[in-house]
Amino acid sequence: MRTSYFALAGLVPSALGANLLVSHFSGSVYSLSYKEGTGNGNNALSIKSSVQGCGKMPTWLTLDSANGTLYCFDEESTGSGVVSSYVVANDGSLKLSGQAQTVGKDVHGWLYGGEDGKGFVSLAE
């Protein structure tokens, strides 16, 4: 059974536990684990894994949960940016699986298509 992951940077949903995928302007992409305490206030957010490879300013994450692939878009504004893909393992670890140069300043990205066997990645500045 595949673990559910949420690709977001923000508030943790109220649940007994969740796995979160987040990016940071340090250039890192993190897999985090959140576990709610048993009513005693001992909630815990911990780093499961951390990887580089999404340029200097990773700003947007898009998760293809059906394939276990995370896409990261780099907002680099002084040169070329990158879009990177990561395999999300069952244990939450991330492994860089692909990378492509962009013109930079990409603050959002999403996937579309795929029904005919072809899928696309779109970027927005």
N, C-alpha and C. Protein backbone atom coordinates (compact mmCIF):
# COMPACT_ATOMS: atom_id res chain seq x y z
N MET A 1 0.84 -1.17 0.00
CA MET A 1 0.00 0.00 0.00
C MET A 1 0.89 1.24 0.00
N ARG A 2 0.58 2.20 -0.83
CA ARG A 2 1.37 3.42 -0.97
C ARG A 2 0.94 4.44 0.08
N THR A 3 1.91 5.09 0.69
CA THR A 3 1.65 6.13 1.67
C THR A 3 1.15 7.37 0.95
N SER A 4 0.23 8.10 1.56
CA SER A 4 -0.26 9.35 0.98
C SER A 4 0.68 10.49 1.34
N TYR A 5 0.92 11.36 0.37
CA TYR A 5 1.77 12.52 0.58
C TYR A 5 1.03 13.77 0.14
N PHE A 6 1.34 14.87 0.76
CA PHE A 6 0.79 16.15 0.40
C PHE A 6 1.95 17.04 -0.01
N ALA A 7 1.85 17.67 -1.17
CA ALA A 7 2.89 18.61 -1.61
C ALA A 7 2.40 20.00 -1.29
N LEU A 8 2.95 20.60 -0.27
CA LEU A 8 2.53 21.93 0.13
C LEU A 8 3.58 22.57 0.99
N ALA A 9 3.47 23.85 1.08
CA ALA A 9 4.33 24.60 1.99
C ALA A 9 3.38 25.49 2.78
N GLY A 10 3.10 25.15 3.97
CA GLY A 10 2.15 25.92 4.74
C GLY A 10 1.72 25.17 5.97
N LEU A 11 0.47 25.28 6.29
CA LEU A 11 -0.05 24.67 7.50
C LEU A 11 -0.21 23.17 7.35
N VAL A 12 0.04 22.48 8.43
CA VAL A 12 -0.12 21.03 8.47
C VAL A 12 -1.59 20.73 8.73
N PRO A 13 -2.20 19.82 7.97
CA PRO A 13 -3.61 19.50 8.22
C PRO A 13 -3.78 18.83 9.57
N SER A 14 -4.92 19.04 10.17
CA SER A 14 -5.21 18.41 11.45
C SER A 14 -5.57 16.95 11.20
N ALA A 15 -4.67 16.06 11.59
CA ALA A 15 -4.86 14.63 11.37
C ALA A 15 -3.97 13.90 12.36
N LEU A 16 -4.15 12.60 12.45
CA LEU A 16 -3.30 11.82 13.34
C LEU A 16 -1.87 11.76 12.83
N GLY A 17 -1.69 11.84 11.53
CA GLY A 17 -0.36 11.83 10.96
C GLY A 17 -0.43 12.19 9.50
N ALA A 18 0.63 12.77 8.98
CA ALA A 18 0.67 13.15 7.57
C ALA A 18 2.12 13.22 7.13
N ASN A 19 2.30 12.98 5.85
CA ASN A 19 3.61 13.15 5.24
C ASN A 19 3.52 14.37 4.34
N LEU A 20 4.49 15.26 4.44
CA LEU A 20 4.48 16.52 3.72
C LEU A 20 5.73 16.64 2.87
N LEU A 21 5.56 17.21 1.68
CA LEU A 21 6.69 17.49 0.80
C LEU A 21 6.76 19.00 0.65
N VAL A 22 7.89 19.59 0.98
CA VAL A 22 8.03 21.05 0.98
C VAL A 22 9.36 21.46 0.36
N SER A 23 9.40 22.70 -0.14
CA SER A 23 10.66 23.23 -0.65
C SER A 23 11.01 24.48 0.15
N HIS A 24 12.25 24.91 -0.01
CA HIS A 24 12.74 26.07 0.72
C HIS A 24 13.70 26.83 -0.17
N PHE A 25 13.76 28.15 -0.02
CA PHE A 25 14.66 28.96 -0.84
C PHE A 25 16.13 28.68 -0.58
N SER A 26 16.44 27.77 0.32
CA SER A 26 17.82 27.34 0.50
C SER A 26 18.25 26.42 -0.63
N GLY A 27 17.28 25.98 -1.46
CA GLY A 27 17.57 25.05 -2.55
C GLY A 27 17.22 23.62 -2.22
N SER A 28 16.73 23.37 -1.03
CA SER A 28 16.41 22.01 -0.60
C SER A 28 14.94 21.68 -0.79
N VAL A 29 14.69 20.39 -1.01
CA VAL A 29 13.34 19.83 -1.00
C VAL A 29 13.32 18.82 0.12
N TYR A 30 12.28 18.90 0.96
CA TYR A 30 12.21 18.06 2.16
C TYR A 30 10.99 17.15 2.14
N SER A 31 11.15 15.98 2.71
CA SER A 31 10.05 15.10 3.04
C SER A 31 9.93 15.16 4.56
N LEU A 32 8.77 15.62 5.04
CA LEU A 32 8.53 15.79 6.47
C LEU A 32 7.47 14.81 6.96
N SER A 33 7.55 14.47 8.21
CA SER A 33 6.55 13.62 8.84
C SER A 33 5.94 14.37 10.01
N TYR A 34 4.61 14.44 10.04
CA TYR A 34 3.90 15.09 11.14
C TYR A 34 3.10 14.04 11.89
N LYS A 35 3.28 14.02 13.18
CA LYS A 35 2.52 13.10 14.03
C LYS A 35 1.90 13.90 15.16
N GLU A 36 0.58 13.76 15.29
CA GLU A 36 -0.14 14.45 16.34
C GLU A 36 -0.02 13.65 17.63
N GLY A 37 0.20 14.36 18.73
CA GLY A 37 0.29 13.71 20.03
C GLY A 37 -1.05 13.14 20.45
N THR A 38 -1.05 12.34 21.45
CA THR A 38 -2.28 11.69 21.91
C THR A 38 -2.99 12.54 22.94
N GLY A 39 -3.29 13.79 22.57
CA GLY A 39 -4.01 14.68 23.47
C GLY A 39 -3.14 15.37 24.49
N ASN A 40 -1.86 15.09 24.49
CA ASN A 40 -0.97 15.68 25.48
C ASN A 40 -0.15 16.85 24.92
N GLY A 41 -0.45 17.25 23.68
CA GLY A 41 0.25 18.38 23.08
C GLY A 41 1.63 18.06 22.55
N ASN A 42 2.01 16.81 22.53
CA ASN A 42 3.33 16.42 22.04
C ASN A 42 3.32 16.14 20.54
N ASN A 43 2.92 17.14 19.77
CA ASN A 43 2.93 17.00 18.32
C ASN A 43 4.37 17.04 17.83
N ALA A 44 4.64 16.37 16.70
CA ALA A 44 6.01 16.31 16.21
C ALA A 44 6.05 16.48 14.69
N LEU A 45 6.92 17.35 14.23
CA LEU A 45 7.21 17.52 12.82
C LEU A 45 8.69 17.24 12.65
N SER A 46 9.02 16.24 11.83
CA SER A 46 10.43 15.87 11.68
C SER A 46 10.77 15.71 10.20
N ILE A 47 12.05 15.89 9.89
CA ILE A 47 12.56 15.74 8.53
C ILE A 47 12.87 14.26 8.29
N LYS A 48 12.20 13.69 7.28
CA LYS A 48 12.50 12.31 6.89
C LYS A 48 13.69 12.26 5.95
N SER A 49 13.70 13.20 4.98
CA SER A 49 14.82 13.27 4.05
C SER A 49 14.91 14.66 3.45
N SER A 50 16.07 14.97 2.92
CA SER A 50 16.32 16.26 2.30
C SER A 50 17.19 16.03 1.07
N VAL A 51 16.84 16.68 -0.04
CA VAL A 51 17.63 16.55 -1.26
C VAL A 51 17.82 17.91 -1.91
N GLN A 52 18.85 18.03 -2.69
CA GLN A 52 19.11 19.21 -3.51
C GLN A 52 18.72 18.87 -4.94
N GLY A 53 18.90 19.81 -5.86
CA GLY A 53 18.68 19.51 -7.26
C GLY A 53 17.59 20.31 -7.93
N CYS A 54 16.93 21.20 -7.17
CA CYS A 54 15.87 22.00 -7.77
C CYS A 54 16.30 23.46 -7.87
N GLY A 55 17.50 23.69 -8.32
CA GLY A 55 17.98 25.04 -8.52
C GLY A 55 18.25 25.79 -7.24
N LYS A 56 18.32 27.11 -7.37
CA LYS A 56 18.65 27.97 -6.23
C LYS A 56 17.43 28.42 -5.45
N MET A 57 16.26 28.44 -6.11
CA MET A 57 15.05 28.97 -5.46
C MET A 57 13.83 28.11 -5.79
N PRO A 58 13.73 26.89 -5.26
CA PRO A 58 12.56 26.07 -5.55
C PRO A 58 11.30 26.71 -4.97
N THR A 59 10.30 26.95 -5.83
CA THR A 59 9.12 27.68 -5.38
C THR A 59 7.82 26.90 -5.46
N TRP A 60 7.74 25.91 -6.34
CA TRP A 60 6.46 25.23 -6.51
C TRP A 60 6.68 23.74 -6.64
N LEU A 61 5.84 22.96 -5.94
CA LEU A 61 5.89 21.51 -6.02
C LEU A 61 4.57 21.01 -6.60
N THR A 62 4.66 20.06 -7.50
CA THR A 62 3.48 19.39 -8.05
C THR A 62 3.71 17.90 -7.89
N LEU A 63 2.75 17.22 -7.26
CA LEU A 63 2.88 15.79 -7.00
C LEU A 63 2.00 15.01 -7.96
N ASP A 64 2.60 14.08 -8.67
CA ASP A 64 1.87 13.10 -9.47
C ASP A 64 1.76 11.86 -8.60
N SER A 65 0.71 11.81 -7.78
CA SER A 65 0.58 10.74 -6.78
C SER A 65 0.38 9.37 -7.43
N ALA A 66 -0.21 9.32 -8.62
CA ALA A 66 -0.43 8.04 -9.29
C ALA A 66 0.89 7.37 -9.66
N ASN A 67 1.91 8.17 -9.94
CA ASN A 67 3.22 7.64 -10.33
C ASN A 67 4.29 7.80 -9.26
N GLY A 68 3.96 8.42 -8.14
CA GLY A 68 4.95 8.63 -7.09
C GLY A 68 6.08 9.55 -7.50
N THR A 69 5.73 10.58 -8.31
CA THR A 69 6.74 11.51 -8.81
C THR A 69 6.42 12.92 -8.34
N LEU A 70 7.41 13.60 -7.82
CA LEU A 70 7.30 14.99 -7.39
C LEU A 70 8.05 15.85 -8.39
N TYR A 71 7.40 16.93 -8.86
CA TYR A 71 8.04 17.89 -9.76
C TYR A 71 8.28 19.18 -8.98
N CYS A 72 9.47 19.73 -9.14
CA CYS A 72 9.86 20.94 -8.44
C CYS A 72 10.25 21.99 -9.47
N PHE A 73 9.71 23.21 -9.30
CA PHE A 73 9.95 24.31 -10.23
C PHE A 73 10.79 25.39 -9.54
N ASP A 74 11.81 25.84 -10.25
CA ASP A 74 12.81 26.77 -9.72
C ASP A 74 12.51 28.19 -10.23
N GLU A 75 12.45 29.14 -9.31
CA GLU A 75 12.15 30.53 -9.65
C GLU A 75 13.40 31.35 -9.99
N GLU A 76 14.52 30.74 -10.16
CA GLU A 76 15.77 31.46 -10.43
C GLU A 76 15.53 32.63 -11.38
N SER A 77 15.88 33.84 -10.94
CA SER A 77 15.58 35.04 -11.73
C SER A 77 16.82 35.68 -12.36
N THR A 78 18.00 35.15 -12.10
CA THR A 78 19.21 35.76 -12.64
C THR A 78 19.83 34.94 -13.76
N GLY A 79 19.16 33.87 -14.16
CA GLY A 79 19.69 33.01 -15.22
C GLY A 79 18.69 31.91 -15.52
N SER A 80 19.19 30.80 -15.99
CA SER A 80 18.32 29.67 -16.30
C SER A 80 17.83 29.01 -15.02
N GLY A 81 16.57 28.58 -15.05
CA GLY A 81 16.02 27.82 -13.95
C GLY A 81 16.01 26.35 -14.32
N VAL A 82 15.43 25.53 -13.46
CA VAL A 82 15.28 24.11 -13.74
C VAL A 82 13.92 23.63 -13.27
N VAL A 83 13.46 22.58 -13.91
CA VAL A 83 12.35 21.80 -13.38
C VAL A 83 12.96 20.42 -13.12
N SER A 84 12.73 19.92 -11.91
CA SER A 84 13.34 18.66 -11.50
C SER A 84 12.25 17.68 -11.11
N SER A 85 12.52 16.40 -11.31
CA SER A 85 11.58 15.37 -10.88
C SER A 85 12.29 14.47 -9.86
N TYR A 86 11.50 14.01 -8.90
CA TYR A 86 11.99 13.15 -7.83
C TYR A 86 11.07 11.95 -7.69
N VAL A 87 11.65 10.79 -7.44
CA VAL A 87 10.88 9.62 -7.07
C VAL A 87 10.62 9.71 -5.58
N VAL A 88 9.35 9.54 -5.18
CA VAL A 88 8.99 9.54 -3.76
C VAL A 88 8.85 8.08 -3.34
N ALA A 89 9.76 7.60 -2.52
CA ALA A 89 9.75 6.20 -2.07
C ALA A 89 8.69 6.01 -0.99
N ASN A 90 8.33 4.76 -0.74
CA ASN A 90 7.33 4.45 0.29
C ASN A 90 7.72 4.96 1.67
N ASP A 91 9.03 5.05 1.95
CA ASP A 91 9.47 5.53 3.26
C ASP A 91 9.55 7.05 3.32
N GLY A 92 9.17 7.74 2.23
CA GLY A 92 9.18 9.19 2.22
C GLY A 92 10.45 9.80 1.68
N SER A 93 11.47 9.00 1.43
CA SER A 93 12.72 9.56 0.91
C SER A 93 12.53 9.99 -0.54
N LEU A 94 13.33 10.96 -0.94
CA LEU A 94 13.26 11.52 -2.29
C LEU A 94 14.56 11.24 -3.03
N LYS A 95 14.44 10.92 -4.32
CA LYS A 95 15.63 10.69 -5.14
C LYS A 95 15.44 11.43 -6.46
N LEU A 96 16.42 12.28 -6.80
CA LEU A 96 16.38 13.03 -8.04
C LEU A 96 16.35 12.05 -9.21
N SER A 97 15.36 12.21 -10.11
CA SER A 97 15.25 11.28 -11.24
C SER A 97 15.35 11.97 -12.60
N GLY A 98 15.24 13.29 -12.64
CA GLY A 98 15.35 13.99 -13.91
C GLY A 98 15.43 15.49 -13.70
N GLN A 99 15.91 16.17 -14.73
CA GLN A 99 16.07 17.62 -14.63
C GLN A 99 16.11 18.21 -16.03
N ALA A 100 15.48 19.38 -16.21
CA ALA A 100 15.51 20.08 -17.49
C ALA A 100 15.69 21.57 -17.23
N GLN A 101 16.46 22.23 -18.07
CA GLN A 101 16.67 23.67 -17.97
C GLN A 101 15.41 24.41 -18.43
N THR A 102 15.14 25.54 -17.80
CA THR A 102 14.06 26.43 -18.21
C THR A 102 14.66 27.82 -18.42
N VAL A 103 13.85 28.75 -18.88
CA VAL A 103 14.35 30.12 -19.07
C VAL A 103 14.43 30.88 -17.75
N GLY A 104 13.90 30.31 -16.68
CA GLY A 104 13.95 30.95 -15.37
C GLY A 104 12.67 31.67 -15.01
N LYS A 105 12.58 32.10 -13.76
CA LYS A 105 11.45 32.85 -13.23
C LYS A 105 10.15 32.03 -13.19
N ASP A 106 10.24 30.71 -13.11
CA ASP A 106 9.06 29.85 -13.08
C ASP A 106 8.55 29.71 -11.65
N VAL A 107 7.43 30.35 -11.37
CA VAL A 107 6.89 30.33 -10.01
C VAL A 107 5.76 29.33 -9.83
N HIS A 108 5.35 28.68 -10.91
CA HIS A 108 4.25 27.72 -10.83
C HIS A 108 4.41 26.72 -11.97
N GLY A 109 4.03 25.49 -11.71
CA GLY A 109 4.06 24.47 -12.75
C GLY A 109 2.99 23.44 -12.49
N TRP A 110 2.50 22.81 -13.55
CA TRP A 110 1.46 21.79 -13.40
C TRP A 110 1.56 20.80 -14.56
N LEU A 111 0.91 19.66 -14.37
CA LEU A 111 0.90 18.60 -15.36
C LEU A 111 -0.46 18.59 -16.04
N TYR A 112 -0.49 18.24 -17.33
CA TYR A 112 -1.76 18.08 -18.02
C TYR A 112 -1.61 17.06 -19.14
N GLY A 113 -2.74 16.59 -19.65
CA GLY A 113 -2.72 15.57 -20.70
C GLY A 113 -2.54 14.20 -20.10
N GLY A 114 -2.09 13.29 -20.92
CA GLY A 114 -1.78 11.96 -20.43
C GLY A 114 -2.74 10.87 -20.84
N GLU A 115 -3.96 11.21 -21.24
CA GLU A 115 -4.93 10.17 -21.59
C GLU A 115 -4.53 9.40 -22.84
N ASP A 116 -3.82 10.04 -23.77
CA ASP A 116 -3.38 9.37 -24.99
C ASP A 116 -1.95 8.83 -24.85
N GLY A 117 -1.45 8.78 -23.63
CA GLY A 117 -0.09 8.30 -23.40
C GLY A 117 0.93 9.42 -23.42
N LYS A 118 0.51 10.64 -23.73
CA LYS A 118 1.41 11.78 -23.74
C LYS A 118 1.02 12.72 -22.61
N GLY A 119 1.99 13.17 -21.86
CA GLY A 119 1.75 14.12 -20.80
C GLY A 119 2.65 15.32 -20.98
N PHE A 120 2.26 16.44 -20.40
CA PHE A 120 3.01 17.67 -20.56
C PHE A 120 3.19 18.37 -19.23
N VAL A 121 4.23 19.17 -19.15
CA VAL A 121 4.48 20.02 -18.00
C VAL A 121 4.38 21.45 -18.51
N SER A 122 3.62 22.27 -17.80
CA SER A 122 3.47 23.67 -18.17
C SER A 122 4.04 24.54 -17.06
N LEU A 123 4.68 25.65 -17.45
CA LEU A 123 5.31 26.56 -16.50
C LEU A 123 4.70 27.95 -16.62
N ALA A 124 4.64 28.67 -15.52
CA ALA A 124 4.15 30.05 -15.53
C ALA A 124 5.13 30.94 -14.78
N GLU A 125 5.35 32.12 -15.31
CA GLU A 125 6.22 33.10 -14.65
C GLU A 125 5.40 34.00 -13.76
